[in-house]
Structures are given as structure tokens and as C-alpha cells.
C-alpha atoms as a PDB file:
ATOM      1  CA  UNK A   1     106.438 163.251  -5.547  1.00  0.00           C
ATOM      2  CA  UNK A   2     104.950 160.687  -7.906  1.00  0.00           C
ATOM      3  CA  UNK A   3     101.441 160.923  -9.305  1.00  0.00           C
ATOM      4  CA  UNK A   4     100.043 158.149 -11.482  1.00  0.00           C
ATOM      5  CA  UNK A   5      98.183 158.619 -14.748  1.00  0.00           C
ATOM      6  CA  UNK A   6      94.596 159.941 -14.711  1.00  0.00           C
ATOM      7  CA  UNK A   7      94.739 161.411 -11.175  1.00  0.00           C
ATOM      8  CA  UNK A   8      92.667 164.526 -10.517  1.00  0.00           C
ATOM      9  CA  UNK A   9      93.560 167.095  -7.860  1.00  0.00           C
ATOM     10  CA  UNK A  10      91.123 169.900  -7.079  1.00  0.00           C
ATOM     11  CA  UNK A  11      92.280 172.329  -4.413  1.00  0.00           C
ATOM     12  CA  UNK A  12      89.239 174.606  -4.700  1.00  0.00           C
ATOM     13  CA  UNK A  13      89.005 178.241  -5.660  1.00  0.00           C
ATOM     14  CA  UNK A  14      91.059 180.059  -3.077  1.00  0.00           C
ATOM     15  CA  UNK A  15      91.972 178.610   0.302  1.00  0.00           C
ATOM     16  CA  UNK A  16      92.009 174.804   0.011  1.00  0.00           C
ATOM     17  CA  UNK A  17      95.461 173.202  -0.189  1.00  0.00           C
ATOM     18  CA  UNK A  18      96.655 169.750  -1.107  1.00  0.00           C
ATOM     19  CA  UNK A  19      99.999 168.961   0.553  1.00  0.00           C
ATOM     20  CA  UNK A  20     101.899 165.816  -0.434  1.00  0.00           C
ATOM     21  CA  UNK A  21     104.808 164.479   1.620  1.00  0.00           C
ATOM     22  CA  UNK A  22     108.051 163.081   0.193  1.00  0.00           C
ATOM     23  CA  UNK A  23     107.963 159.593  -1.353  1.00  0.00           C
ATOM     24  CA  UNK A  24     104.157 159.470  -1.461  1.00  0.00           C
ATOM     25  CA  UNK A  25     102.839 157.614  -4.509  1.00  0.00           C
ATOM     26  CA  UNK A  26      99.412 157.722  -6.166  1.00  0.00           C
ATOM     27  CA  UNK A  27      98.013 154.965  -8.356  1.00  0.00           C
ATOM     28  CA  UNK A  28      96.126 155.776 -11.569  1.00  0.00           C
ATOM     29  CA  UNK A  29      92.723 157.499 -11.601  1.00  0.00           C
ATOM     30  CA  UNK A  30      92.730 158.871  -8.039  1.00  0.00           C
ATOM     31  CA  UNK A  31      90.603 161.907  -7.142  1.00  0.00           C
ATOM     32  CA  UNK A  32      91.626 164.295  -4.363  1.00  0.00           C
ATOM     33  CA  UNK A  33      89.614 167.397  -3.493  1.00  0.00           C
ATOM     34  CA  UNK A  34      90.097 170.141  -0.911  1.00  0.00           C
ATOM     35  CA  UNK A  35      86.669 171.658  -1.615  1.00  0.00           C
ATOM     36  CA  UNK A  36      83.004 170.726  -1.472  1.00  0.00           C
ATOM     37  CA  UNK A  37      79.625 172.362  -2.075  1.00  0.00           C
ATOM     38  CA  UNK A  38      76.722 172.413   0.369  1.00  0.00           C
ATOM     39  CA  UNK A  39      73.846 169.990  -0.164  1.00  0.00           C
ATOM     40  CA  UNK A  40      70.814 171.930   1.121  1.00  0.00           C
ATOM     41  CA  UNK A  41      67.535 171.188  -0.658  1.00  0.00           C
ATOM     42  CA  UNK A  42      65.905 174.018  -2.612  1.00  0.00           C
ATOM     43  CA  UNK A  43      69.146 175.603  -3.863  1.00  0.00           C
ATOM     44  CA  UNK A  44      71.200 174.422  -6.823  1.00  0.00           C
ATOM     45  CA  UNK A  45      74.330 172.721  -5.564  1.00  0.00           C
ATOM     46  CA  UNK A  46      76.641 174.997  -7.569  1.00  0.00           C
ATOM     47  CA  UNK A  47      74.910 178.069  -6.067  1.00  0.00           C
ATOM     48  CA  UNK A  48      75.609 176.934  -2.512  1.00  0.00           C
ATOM     49  CA  UNK A  49      78.641 178.074  -0.539  1.00  0.00           C
ATOM     50  CA  UNK A  50      81.803 176.114  -1.139  1.00  0.00           C
ATOM     51  CA  UNK A  51      83.748 174.859   1.844  1.00  0.00           C
ATOM     52  CA  UNK A  52      87.469 174.403   1.428  1.00  0.00           C
ATOM     53  CA  UNK A  53      89.534 172.284   3.810  1.00  0.00           C
ATOM     54  CA  UNK A  54      93.142 171.218   3.373  1.00  0.00           C
ATOM     55  CA  UNK A  55      94.085 167.666   2.417  1.00  0.00           C
ATOM     56  CA  UNK A  56      97.447 166.527   3.792  1.00  0.00           C
ATOM     57  CA  UNK A  57      99.395 163.400   2.860  1.00  0.00           C
ATOM     58  CA  UNK A  58     102.318 162.529   5.115  1.00  0.00           C
ATOM     59  CA  UNK A  59     105.547 161.165   3.657  1.00  0.00           C
ATOM     60  CA  UNK A  60     105.856 157.616   2.316  1.00  0.00           C
ATOM     61  CA  UNK A  61     102.142 156.980   1.688  1.00  0.00           C
ATOM     62  CA  UNK A  62     100.698 154.715  -0.995  1.00  0.00           C
ATOM     63  CA  UNK A  63      97.325 155.726  -2.437  1.00  0.00           C
ATOM     64  CA  UNK A  64      95.808 152.895  -4.483  1.00  0.00           C
ATOM     65  CA  UNK A  65      94.219 153.110  -7.921  1.00  0.00           C
ATOM     66  CA  UNK A  66      90.891 154.994  -8.131  1.00  0.00           C
ATOM     67  CA  UNK A  67      90.957 156.093  -4.486  1.00  0.00           C
ATOM     68  CA  UNK A  68      88.879 159.170  -3.610  1.00  0.00           C
ATOM     69  CA  UNK A  69      90.146 161.490  -0.860  1.00  0.00           C
ATOM     70  CA  UNK A  70      87.603 164.053   0.346  1.00  0.00           C
ATOM     71  CA  UNK A  71      88.160 167.571   1.709  1.00  0.00           C
ATOM     72  CA  UNK A  72      89.704 168.021   5.147  1.00  0.00           C
ATOM     73  CA  UNK A  73      91.459 164.651   5.322  1.00  0.00           C
ATOM     74  CA  UNK A  74      94.921 163.939   6.734  1.00  0.00           C
ATOM     75  CA  UNK A  75      96.655 160.720   5.708  1.00  0.00           C
ATOM     76  CA  UNK A  76      99.426 159.947   8.202  1.00  0.00           C
ATOM     77  CA  UNK A  77     103.027 159.009   7.424  1.00  0.00           C
ATOM     78  CA  UNK A  78     103.428 155.585   5.836  1.00  0.00           C
ATOM     79  CA  UNK A  79      99.688 154.961   5.496  1.00  0.00           C
ATOM     80  CA  UNK A  80      98.298 152.780   2.698  1.00  0.00           C
ATOM     81  CA  UNK A  81      94.917 153.429   1.072  1.00  0.00           C
ATOM     82  CA  UNK A  82      93.400 150.488  -0.802  1.00  0.00           C
ATOM     83  CA  UNK A  83      92.341 150.712  -4.438  1.00  0.00           C
ATOM     84  CA  UNK A  84      88.835 152.090  -4.952  1.00  0.00           C
ATOM     85  CA  UNK A  85      88.529 153.395  -1.389  1.00  0.00           C
ATOM     86  CA  UNK A  86      86.614 156.552  -0.457  1.00  0.00           C
ATOM     87  CA  UNK A  87      88.392 158.273   2.435  1.00  0.00           C
ATOM     88  CA  UNK A  88      86.026 160.419   4.529  1.00  0.00           C
ATOM     89  CA  UNK A  89      87.943 160.358   7.850  1.00  0.00           C
ATOM     90  CA  UNK A  90      91.588 160.876   8.794  1.00  0.00           C
ATOM     91  CA  UNK A  91      93.868 157.847   8.482  1.00  0.00           C
ATOM     92  CA  UNK A  92      96.594 157.527  11.147  1.00  0.00           C
ATOM     93  CA  UNK A  93     100.279 157.023  10.424  1.00  0.00           C
ATOM     94  CA  UNK A  94     101.159 153.441   9.516  1.00  0.00           C
ATOM     95  CA  UNK A  95      97.559 152.365   8.946  1.00  0.00           C
ATOM     96  CA  UNK A  96      96.218 150.287   6.070  1.00  0.00           C
ATOM     97  CA  UNK A  97      92.724 151.530   5.222  1.00  0.00           C
ATOM     98  CA  UNK A  98      90.278 150.420   2.539  1.00  0.00           C
ATOM     99  CA  UNK A  99      86.600 150.340   1.650  1.00  0.00           C
ATOM    100  CA  UNK A 100      83.662 152.628   0.973  1.00  0.00           C
ATOM    101  CA  UNK A 101      83.880 154.439   3.263  1.00  0.00           C
ATOM    102  CA  UNK A 102      87.493 153.583   4.082  1.00  0.00           C
ATOM    103  CA  UNK A 103      88.148 152.025   7.478  1.00  0.00           C
ATOM    104  CA  UNK A 104      91.445 151.100   9.110  1.00  0.00           C
ATOM    105  CA  UNK A 105      91.926 147.360   8.563  1.00  0.00           C
ATOM    106  CA  UNK A 106      95.250 146.977  10.342  1.00  0.00           C
ATOM    107  CA  UNK A 107      98.554 148.668  11.038  1.00  0.00           C
ATOM    108  CA  UNK A 108     101.650 148.064   8.949  1.00  0.00           C
ATOM    109  CA  UNK A 109     104.161 145.618  10.448  1.00  0.00           C
END
């Protein structure tokens, strides 16, 4: 596994996992989280229940610089995530995804 400089991984407090497949590479300053707080009005965010959902990276993925991967996401084998993308939905194997929010742009050749 290779992780670039300034990456942040937050698996949550108890049940959230971050699983990284073989030969997956992260560019600098990525943020990956397997946890999130609720956003209900009238209650401080940090007092709300935390949800934890696994984040799974298949083998041979490339995660570009400053990408953000949110809780509960699966990135399929060989997928590429563009720099600065915010991934809020699963990315299938072999896909190239980018943007805010990230969308599949095309499949790898």
C-alpha cells in the first residue's frame, strides 16, 4: 500500500473500517472517512449520533491529490479518482471519476 504525504484517514470510533487493496496509490492531501455525524437542526453536530460505514478501495486504484472519499463508499478495482474530487457514490471497477461531486467520466481502455 502506498499513501502520499498529508493524507488523512478517519475510520471512526468503533465500527467503521477503511480497507485498501494491493497496489492502490493515494496522492497527497487526500481525506478518507468511514464516519459522519448527523446534521439535524437544533442539536450541536458533535452531539448527534455518529454513523460509521466502511470505505473499501479495490486493488490497483489511483486516488488523485486532495480527493475526499466519504463514508460508505466502495471504489472498484482499477478505478481512478481525479484530483480534488469529492466521492459521494460508489465508483465501479475500471472507471475514471472526477468532480464535485465525482461522476464517472469514462471507463479505462
